[in-house]
Amino acid sequence: MDLTGWASPFLLVPEATCVDAPTLKLLKNAEEKDLYVSDVSPLQIPFNNVRRTGSEIWTCSMVEAGRPGSACPKHFLLSNTEFTERPICLASRRYQKKKLEEISSMAISDAEKQRLHGKVVEKTCICDHLGNGALVALGIANEQSAPPLICPGPNIAWFNKTYTLKEMVDHIYGRGPCLVSTERPHMFAKEIVMYVDHFERQVARFANTPKELKALEEFKNNLEEGMDFCLGIARKRPYPGENLASILSCVKRQKARLSVIYENLVKKENLVLQGSAEESSAEEVERREKTVTKCGRGVPDLNLRQRPFEA
């Protein structure tokens, strides 16, 4: 690896980015617990997010008002044909109305209906909301009609005020005082945790297909290789203020955690295979019993399950 990029901290640099005042305040006050990987994207890809944005407040208010979903003003992310011939967006009011009606008619528990309902209505109109912060900041729109959404990375939790462009650039290149606490975990430590979190979510959604299992195994192997690579970085001489020690402790914890998650995945897969084998065996026994009865041999012997069928 030769280079890394900086992005999220520049959201706190008004000279570099255009962010509305409420969202800027939200970012300055954001703690680690406020920053998370969400499922709000209608593209169904992980999306860095911060809690209590104008977009989140607007989305929740629409759900509470009984009108979930967006009017889909830009039509950029039309991808779903589940209910229509022409693609529509998962965040659109049209899609969410139809999907929620389908969920309501399902013969499943109320708890499962509630879970599925939440997965539908959390989808947000990102192609509209992501640009709203700039429109609000420039006075072109107001927050009520243009709810802003933003996608900062987790490290922004360690930056707690606005900065000049010179301050941020000098911080990056070590030409000025460090802008964050020396206790801040290394960027790679945070990345490792994010990837293990993502792996855990993927395992939770595992649908017991060979393709998925192979993908998860590759994910795990690549992640372990990445951790070993980071260990190599951690053993080098740190730059001033660089918390390389946090990588060592992080890798130790996350490798152990990854191992447990993977072991649970293997157990789950083995249980599924065992269940499938037992089901197949039961079906075979039932087939043989029917064959015996059909041949006029009376009631099948109760010991038939323990011995081979004799023609």
Protein backbone atom coordinates (compact mmCIF):
# COMPACT_ATOMS: atom_id res chain seq x y z
CA MET A 1 0.00 0.00 0.00
CA ASP A 2 1.49 3.32 -1.09
CA LEU A 3 -1.17 5.89 -0.31
CA THR A 4 -4.30 6.44 1.75
CA GLY A 5 -6.95 9.09 1.31
CA TRP A 6 -8.58 11.58 3.66
CA ALA A 7 -12.22 12.51 3.26
CA SER A 8 -14.55 12.72 6.27
CA PRO A 9 -12.53 15.24 8.35
CA PHE A 10 -12.86 17.73 5.50
CA LEU A 11 -16.60 17.83 6.20
CA LEU A 12 -15.55 20.02 9.14
CA VAL A 13 -13.58 22.36 6.86
CA PRO A 14 -16.00 24.97 5.45
CA GLU A 15 -13.38 26.10 2.92
CA ALA A 16 -13.41 22.63 1.38
CA THR A 17 -16.98 21.34 1.73
CA CYS A 18 -20.46 22.83 1.81
CA VAL A 19 -22.39 21.49 4.80
CA ASP A 20 -25.50 23.05 6.36
CA ALA A 21 -25.22 24.40 9.91
CA PRO A 22 -27.38 21.76 11.71
CA THR A 23 -25.49 18.90 10.08
CA LEU A 24 -22.15 20.58 10.79
CA LYS A 25 -23.11 20.83 14.46
CA LEU A 26 -24.18 17.18 14.40
CA LEU A 27 -20.78 16.13 13.04
CA LYS A 28 -18.86 18.21 15.58
CA ASN A 29 -20.77 16.59 18.44
CA ALA A 30 -20.84 13.06 17.03
CA GLU A 31 -19.37 10.33 19.21
CA GLU A 32 -18.34 6.85 18.14
CA LYS A 33 -21.73 5.43 19.14
CA ASP A 34 -23.45 7.89 16.79
CA LEU A 35 -21.52 6.73 13.73
CA TYR A 36 -22.53 3.43 12.19
CA VAL A 37 -22.82 1.40 9.00
CA SER A 38 -26.45 1.54 7.95
CA ASP A 39 -28.79 -0.16 5.47
CA VAL A 40 -30.50 3.05 4.33
CA SER A 41 -29.20 2.87 0.77
CA PRO A 42 -31.76 1.61 -1.78
CA LEU A 43 -28.78 0.15 -3.64
CA GLN A 44 -28.56 -2.30 -0.71
CA ILE A 45 -24.90 -1.63 -0.04
CA PRO A 46 -23.46 -0.71 3.39
CA PHE A 47 -23.65 3.04 3.93
CA ASN A 48 -21.72 5.02 6.56
CA ASN A 49 -24.14 7.15 8.51
CA VAL A 50 -24.58 9.34 11.56
CA ARG A 51 -27.66 9.28 13.75
CA ARG A 52 -30.23 12.11 13.96
CA THR A 53 -29.66 13.65 10.54
CA GLY A 54 -32.41 15.72 8.98
CA SER A 55 -32.96 12.85 6.57
CA GLU A 56 -33.47 10.33 9.37
CA ILE A 57 -35.89 12.64 11.17
CA TRP A 58 -37.86 13.23 7.95
CA THR A 59 -37.94 9.51 7.07
CA CYS A 60 -39.22 8.57 10.53
CA SER A 61 -41.86 11.31 10.44
CA MET A 62 -43.18 10.01 7.13
CA VAL A 63 -43.46 6.50 8.57
CA GLU A 64 -45.29 7.81 11.63
CA ALA A 65 -47.64 9.76 9.36
CA GLY A 66 -48.50 6.57 7.49
CA ARG A 67 -46.83 7.71 4.26
CA PRO A 68 -43.45 5.94 4.21
CA GLY A 69 -41.12 6.38 1.28
CA SER A 70 -40.04 9.19 -1.00
CA ALA A 71 -41.81 10.72 -3.97
CA CYS A 72 -38.63 9.80 -5.86
CA PRO A 73 -37.99 13.21 -7.45
CA LYS A 74 -34.77 12.37 -9.28
CA HIS A 75 -35.30 8.77 -10.49
CA PHE A 76 -31.57 7.98 -10.35
CA LEU A 77 -31.73 4.64 -8.51
CA LEU A 78 -34.54 2.81 -10.30
CA SER A 79 -33.63 -0.86 -9.98
CA ASN A 80 -36.50 -3.00 -8.67
CA THR A 81 -39.11 -4.79 -10.80
CA GLU A 82 -40.68 -6.87 -8.04
CA PHE A 83 -44.08 -5.23 -8.48
CA THR A 84 -43.75 -3.30 -11.73
CA GLU A 85 -42.58 -3.82 -15.28
CA ARG A 86 -40.51 -0.64 -15.23
CA PRO A 87 -37.92 -0.39 -12.45
CA ILE A 88 -38.71 1.67 -9.36
CA CYS A 89 -36.59 2.60 -6.34
CA LEU A 90 -36.66 0.72 -3.04
CA ALA A 91 -36.88 4.06 -1.25
CA SER A 92 -39.89 5.20 -3.27
CA ARG A 93 -43.34 5.52 -1.75
CA ARG A 94 -44.73 3.38 -4.55
CA TYR A 95 -42.45 0.44 -3.80
CA GLN A 96 -42.74 0.65 -0.03
CA LYS A 97 -46.54 0.76 -0.14
CA LYS A 98 -46.69 -2.41 -2.23
CA LYS A 99 -44.02 -4.20 -0.19
CA LEU A 100 -45.66 -3.37 3.13
CA GLU A 101 -49.00 -4.64 1.83
CA GLU A 102 -47.30 -7.89 0.85
CA ILE A 103 -45.70 -8.25 4.28
CA SER A 104 -49.04 -7.61 6.01
CA SER A 105 -50.60 -10.50 4.11
CA MET A 106 -47.84 -12.98 4.97
CA ALA A 107 -48.56 -15.90 7.30
CA ILE A 108 -45.73 -15.03 9.69
CA SER A 109 -45.46 -13.85 13.27
CA ASP A 110 -46.11 -10.24 14.20
CA ALA A 111 -42.51 -9.92 15.33
CA GLU A 112 -41.23 -11.04 11.94
CA LYS A 113 -43.65 -8.69 10.19
CA GLN A 114 -42.33 -5.85 12.30
CA ARG A 115 -38.74 -6.74 11.44
CA LEU A 116 -39.46 -6.87 7.71
CA HIS A 117 -41.44 -3.64 7.95
CA GLY A 118 -38.43 -1.90 9.48
CA LYS A 119 -36.11 -3.17 6.73
CA VAL A 120 -38.41 -1.67 4.10
CA VAL A 121 -39.06 1.77 5.57
CA GLU A 122 -35.44 2.46 6.56
CA LYS A 123 -34.49 2.87 2.89
CA THR A 124 -33.82 6.54 2.22
CA CYS A 125 -33.84 8.73 -0.88
CA ILE A 126 -30.08 9.18 -0.90
CA CYS A 127 -29.83 10.61 -4.42
CA ASP A 128 -31.93 13.57 -3.25
CA HIS A 129 -31.01 13.88 0.42
CA LEU A 130 -27.22 13.65 0.00
CA GLY A 131 -27.16 16.91 -1.94
CA ASN A 132 -29.60 18.77 0.27
CA GLY A 133 -27.02 19.91 2.82
CA ALA A 134 -25.29 22.07 0.23
CA LEU A 135 -28.60 23.51 -0.97
CA VAL A 136 -29.57 24.43 2.59
CA ALA A 137 -26.13 25.91 3.32
CA LEU A 138 -26.33 28.07 0.19
CA GLY A 139 -29.85 29.27 0.98
CA ILE A 140 -31.36 27.57 -2.06
CA ALA A 141 -33.61 25.29 0.02
CA ASN A 142 -34.73 24.93 3.63
CA GLU A 143 -34.19 21.90 5.84
CA GLN A 144 -37.91 21.14 6.16
CA SER A 145 -38.40 20.64 2.43
CA ALA A 146 -34.86 19.39 1.73
CA PRO A 147 -33.78 17.07 4.57
CA PRO A 148 -29.99 16.61 4.49
CA LEU A 149 -28.16 13.30 4.66
CA ILE A 150 -24.42 12.81 5.09
CA CYS A 151 -22.12 9.78 5.16
CA PRO A 152 -19.08 10.38 7.38
CA GLY A 153 -16.59 7.68 8.25
CA PRO A 154 -16.18 6.63 11.89
CA ASN A 155 -12.94 8.56 12.47
CA ILE A 156 -14.77 11.88 12.37
CA ALA A 157 -15.72 11.15 15.99
CA TRP A 158 -12.22 12.35 16.95
CA PHE A 159 -12.63 15.76 15.31
CA ASN A 160 -14.90 18.05 17.32
CA LYS A 161 -14.86 21.52 15.77
CA THR A 162 -14.53 23.31 12.45
CA TYR A 163 -11.04 23.79 11.03
CA THR A 164 -9.37 25.92 8.43
CA LEU A 165 -8.04 24.23 5.34
CA LYS A 166 -4.49 25.01 6.44
CA GLU A 167 -5.07 23.47 9.86
CA MET A 168 -6.35 20.23 8.38
CA VAL A 169 -3.66 19.93 5.72
CA ASP A 170 -0.91 20.72 8.24
CA HIS A 171 -2.38 18.07 10.54
CA ILE A 172 -2.33 15.48 7.77
CA TYR A 173 1.26 16.18 6.77
CA GLY A 174 2.56 16.64 10.31
CA ARG A 175 3.42 20.30 9.81
CA GLY A 176 1.35 21.56 12.71
CA PRO A 177 -0.07 20.46 16.04
CA CYS A 178 -2.05 17.22 16.05
CA LEU A 179 -5.78 17.95 15.97
CA VAL A 180 -6.88 14.75 17.70
CA SER A 181 -6.17 12.91 20.92
CA THR A 182 -3.21 10.55 21.01
CA GLU A 183 -5.67 7.92 22.25
CA ARG A 184 -7.41 7.81 18.88
CA PRO A 185 -7.23 4.28 17.41
CA HIS A 186 -5.27 3.94 14.19
CA MET A 187 -7.27 4.18 10.97
CA PHE A 188 -6.50 0.54 10.16
CA ALA A 189 -7.74 -0.55 13.58
CA LYS A 190 -11.09 1.09 12.89
CA GLU A 191 -11.23 -0.44 9.41
CA ILE A 192 -10.60 -3.92 10.79
CA VAL A 193 -13.48 -3.58 13.26
CA MET A 194 -15.78 -2.35 10.49
CA TYR A 195 -14.95 -5.35 8.29
CA VAL A 196 -15.45 -7.87 11.08
CA ASP A 197 -18.77 -6.18 11.89
CA HIS A 198 -19.74 -6.53 8.24
CA PHE A 199 -18.70 -10.19 8.18
CA GLU A 200 -20.84 -10.83 11.24
CA ARG A 201 -23.86 -9.24 9.55
CA GLN A 202 -23.30 -11.33 6.43
CA VAL A 203 -23.12 -14.51 8.50
CA ALA A 204 -26.38 -13.56 10.23
CA ARG A 205 -28.01 -13.28 6.79
CA PHE A 206 -26.48 -16.52 5.50
CA ALA A 207 -29.11 -18.44 3.52
CA ASN A 208 -27.24 -21.77 3.45
CA THR A 209 -26.22 -21.76 -0.20
CA PRO A 210 -22.85 -23.10 -1.41
CA LYS A 211 -22.17 -19.84 -3.26
CA GLU A 212 -22.69 -17.79 -0.10
CA LEU A 213 -20.56 -20.14 1.97
CA LYS A 214 -17.70 -19.89 -0.52
CA ALA A 215 -17.95 -16.09 -0.54
CA LEU A 216 -17.89 -15.95 3.26
CA GLU A 217 -14.88 -18.25 3.42
CA GLU A 218 -13.04 -16.04 0.93
CA PHE A 219 -14.07 -12.96 2.91
CA LYS A 220 -12.67 -14.49 6.10
CA ASN A 221 -9.39 -15.52 4.45
CA ASN A 222 -8.91 -12.10 2.85
CA LEU A 223 -9.70 -10.39 6.14
CA GLU A 224 -7.14 -12.50 7.99
CA GLU A 225 -4.53 -11.66 5.34
CA GLY A 226 -5.40 -7.99 5.73
CA MET A 227 -4.95 -8.21 9.49
CA ASP A 228 -1.53 -9.80 9.02
CA PHE A 229 -0.61 -6.99 6.64
CA CYS A 230 -1.64 -4.43 9.26
CA LEU A 231 0.49 -6.22 11.84
CA GLY A 232 3.46 -5.61 9.58
CA ILE A 233 2.65 -1.90 9.56
CA ALA A 234 2.23 -1.90 13.33
CA ARG A 235 5.78 -3.19 13.82
CA LYS A 236 7.31 -0.26 11.96
CA ARG A 237 8.45 2.98 13.51
CA PRO A 238 5.41 5.24 14.01
CA TYR A 239 5.09 8.76 12.75
CA PRO A 240 4.72 11.39 15.48
CA GLY A 241 1.34 10.88 17.13
CA GLU A 242 0.61 7.67 15.18
CA ASN A 243 -1.03 5.10 17.44
CA LEU A 244 0.39 1.91 15.93
CA ALA A 245 -0.04 0.08 19.24
CA SER A 246 -3.80 0.19 18.74
CA ILE A 247 -3.40 -2.01 15.65
CA LEU A 248 -1.69 -4.77 17.63
CA SER A 249 -4.38 -4.94 20.30
CA CYS A 250 -7.15 -4.59 17.73
CA VAL A 251 -5.88 -7.43 15.54
CA LYS A 252 -5.62 -9.73 18.56
CA ARG A 253 -9.21 -9.04 19.60
CA GLN A 254 -10.72 -9.09 16.14
CA LYS A 255 -8.94 -12.28 15.04
CA ALA A 256 -10.41 -14.05 18.06
CA ARG A 257 -13.82 -12.56 17.32
CA LEU A 258 -13.61 -13.52 13.64
CA SER A 259 -12.73 -17.09 14.61
CA VAL A 260 -15.79 -17.38 16.86
CA ILE A 261 -18.09 -15.95 14.17
CA TYR A 262 -16.72 -18.38 11.60
CA GLU A 263 -17.03 -21.34 13.97
CA ASN A 264 -20.70 -20.46 14.48
CA LEU A 265 -21.12 -20.30 10.71
CA VAL A 266 -19.63 -23.78 10.31
CA LYS A 267 -21.88 -25.13 13.07
CA LYS A 268 -24.89 -23.59 11.37
CA GLU A 269 -23.90 -25.12 8.04
CA ASN A 270 -23.36 -28.55 9.64
CA LEU A 271 -26.77 -28.40 11.31
CA VAL A 272 -28.38 -27.58 7.98
CA LEU A 273 -26.57 -30.44 6.28
CA GLN A 274 -27.53 -32.80 9.10
CA GLY A 275 -31.13 -31.68 8.91
CA SER A 276 -31.18 -32.18 5.15
CA ALA A 277 -29.71 -35.65 5.52
CA GLU A 278 -32.26 -36.60 8.17
CA GLU A 279 -35.08 -35.23 6.04
CA SER A 280 -33.86 -37.21 3.03
CA SER A 281 -33.58 -40.34 5.17
CA ALA A 282 -37.09 -39.87 6.52
CA GLU A 283 -38.44 -39.39 3.01
CA GLU A 284 -36.69 -42.57 1.88
CA VAL A 285 -38.14 -44.56 4.78
CA GLU A 286 -41.59 -43.21 4.02
CA ARG A 287 -41.20 -44.17 0.38
CA ARG A 288 -40.17 -47.71 1.33
CA GLU A 289 -43.05 -48.05 3.78
CA LYS A 290 -45.50 -47.06 1.07
CA THR A 291 -43.90 -49.59 -1.26
CA VAL A 292 -44.27 -52.37 1.34
CA THR A 293 -47.91 -51.51 1.96
CA LYS A 294 -48.63 -51.31 -1.75
CA CYS A 295 -47.14 -54.78 -2.25
CA GLY A 296 -49.68 -56.21 0.19
CA ARG A 297 -47.38 -56.97 3.05
CA GLY A 298 -49.61 -55.32 5.62
CA VAL A 299 -48.49 -52.80 8.20
CA PRO A 300 -44.79 -51.97 7.87
CA ASP A 301 -42.49 -53.47 10.48
CA LEU A 302 -41.56 -50.88 13.11
CA ASN A 303 -37.95 -52.04 12.80
CA LEU A 304 -37.88 -51.03 9.16
CA ARG A 305 -36.04 -47.83 10.07
CA GLN A 306 -33.17 -49.82 11.56
CA ARG A 307 -32.60 -52.35 8.77
CA PRO A 308 -32.25 -52.33 4.99
CA PHE A 309 -35.37 -52.87 2.97
CA GLU A 310 -35.62 -56.38 1.62
CA ALA A 311 -37.37 -56.75 -1.71
